[in-house]
C-alpha cells in the first residue's frame, strides 16, 4: 500500500517549484496521483495556510522596511 503524503509536504513542493511538473517530480509520484492529491481539501487547505503565512511575513517585512526608510528620510 502506498504511503500517504503529508499535505504540507505537497503544498511546500508546489509553492517552492517553478512548475507543477517540477513539484510532481520532487514528490516522485505519477501525474495521476499528483492531480488527485491537488484535488484533496487537506492539500488545498495546506496551500492556503502556507500562502497566507508567506503573505503575512512579506507584508510585515515591507511595513518594517517602510517605517525604517521613513525614519531615515525624516532625519535627513
Protein backbone atom coordinates (compact mmCIF):
# COMPACT_ATOMS: atom_id res chain seq x y z
CA UNK A 1 0.00 0.00 0.00
CA UNK A 2 1.27 3.46 -0.91
CA UNK A 3 2.27 5.76 1.91
CA UNK A 4 0.12 8.89 2.25
CA UNK A 5 1.95 12.13 1.62
CA UNK A 6 1.86 14.88 4.22
CA UNK A 7 -0.34 17.74 2.91
CA UNK A 8 2.24 20.33 3.98
CA UNK A 9 4.99 18.49 2.12
CA UNK A 10 2.88 18.51 -1.04
CA UNK A 11 1.98 22.18 -0.58
CA UNK A 12 5.58 23.20 0.04
CA UNK A 13 6.67 21.27 -3.02
CA UNK A 14 4.12 23.13 -5.14
CA UNK A 15 4.95 26.55 -3.70
CA UNK A 16 8.71 26.09 -3.97
CA UNK A 17 8.69 24.87 -7.57
CA UNK A 18 8.66 26.84 -10.80
CA UNK A 19 6.20 24.42 -12.40
CA UNK A 20 3.70 21.81 -11.28
CA UNK A 21 5.73 19.22 -13.17
CA UNK A 22 8.78 20.13 -11.10
CA UNK A 23 6.71 19.81 -7.92
CA UNK A 24 5.42 16.42 -9.03
CA UNK A 25 8.94 15.28 -9.78
CA UNK A 26 10.16 16.38 -6.32
CA UNK A 27 7.45 14.22 -4.77
CA UNK A 28 8.34 11.31 -7.06
CA UNK A 29 4.72 10.45 -7.86
CA UNK A 30 2.75 9.87 -11.05
CA UNK A 31 0.90 12.64 -12.83
CA UNK A 32 -2.41 10.98 -12.00
CA UNK A 33 -1.58 10.70 -8.28
CA UNK A 34 -0.36 14.31 -8.25
CA UNK A 35 -3.60 15.54 -9.86
CA UNK A 36 -5.64 13.52 -7.36
CA UNK A 37 -3.67 14.96 -4.44
CA UNK A 38 -4.19 18.52 -5.66
CA UNK A 39 -7.98 17.97 -5.56
CA UNK A 40 -8.00 16.97 -1.88
CA UNK A 41 -9.30 19.55 0.61
CA UNK A 42 -6.41 18.96 3.03
CA UNK A 43 -3.89 19.85 0.28
CA UNK A 44 -5.88 22.95 -0.67
CA UNK A 45 -6.08 23.96 3.00
CA UNK A 46 -2.32 23.47 3.44
CA UNK A 47 -1.66 25.59 0.33
CA UNK A 48 -3.93 28.35 1.65
CA UNK A 49 -2.39 28.24 5.12
CA UNK A 50 1.20 28.38 3.87
CA UNK A 51 0.39 31.07 1.28
CA UNK A 52 -1.29 33.19 3.96
CA UNK A 53 1.71 32.82 6.24
CA UNK A 54 4.09 33.81 3.43
CA UNK A 55 1.90 36.84 2.64
CA UNK A 56 1.74 37.90 6.30
CA UNK A 57 5.52 37.58 6.70
CA UNK A 58 6.15 39.54 3.49
CA UNK A 59 3.74 42.28 4.50
CA UNK A 60 5.36 42.58 7.93
CA UNK A 61 8.78 42.89 6.30
CA UNK A 62 7.59 45.57 3.89
CA UNK A 63 5.93 47.53 6.68
CA UNK A 64 9.06 47.35 8.83
CA UNK A 65 11.31 48.43 5.97
CA UNK A 66 8.97 51.28 5.03
CA UNK A 67 8.88 52.56 8.61
CA UNK A 68 12.65 52.38 8.81
CA UNK A 69 13.06 54.23 5.50
CA UNK A 70 10.61 56.93 6.55
CA UNK A 71 12.56 57.43 9.75
CA UNK A 72 15.77 57.83 7.80
CA UNK A 73 14.16 60.32 5.41
CA UNK A 74 12.72 62.31 8.31
CA UNK A 75 16.21 62.67 9.80
CA UNK A 76 17.74 63.98 6.56
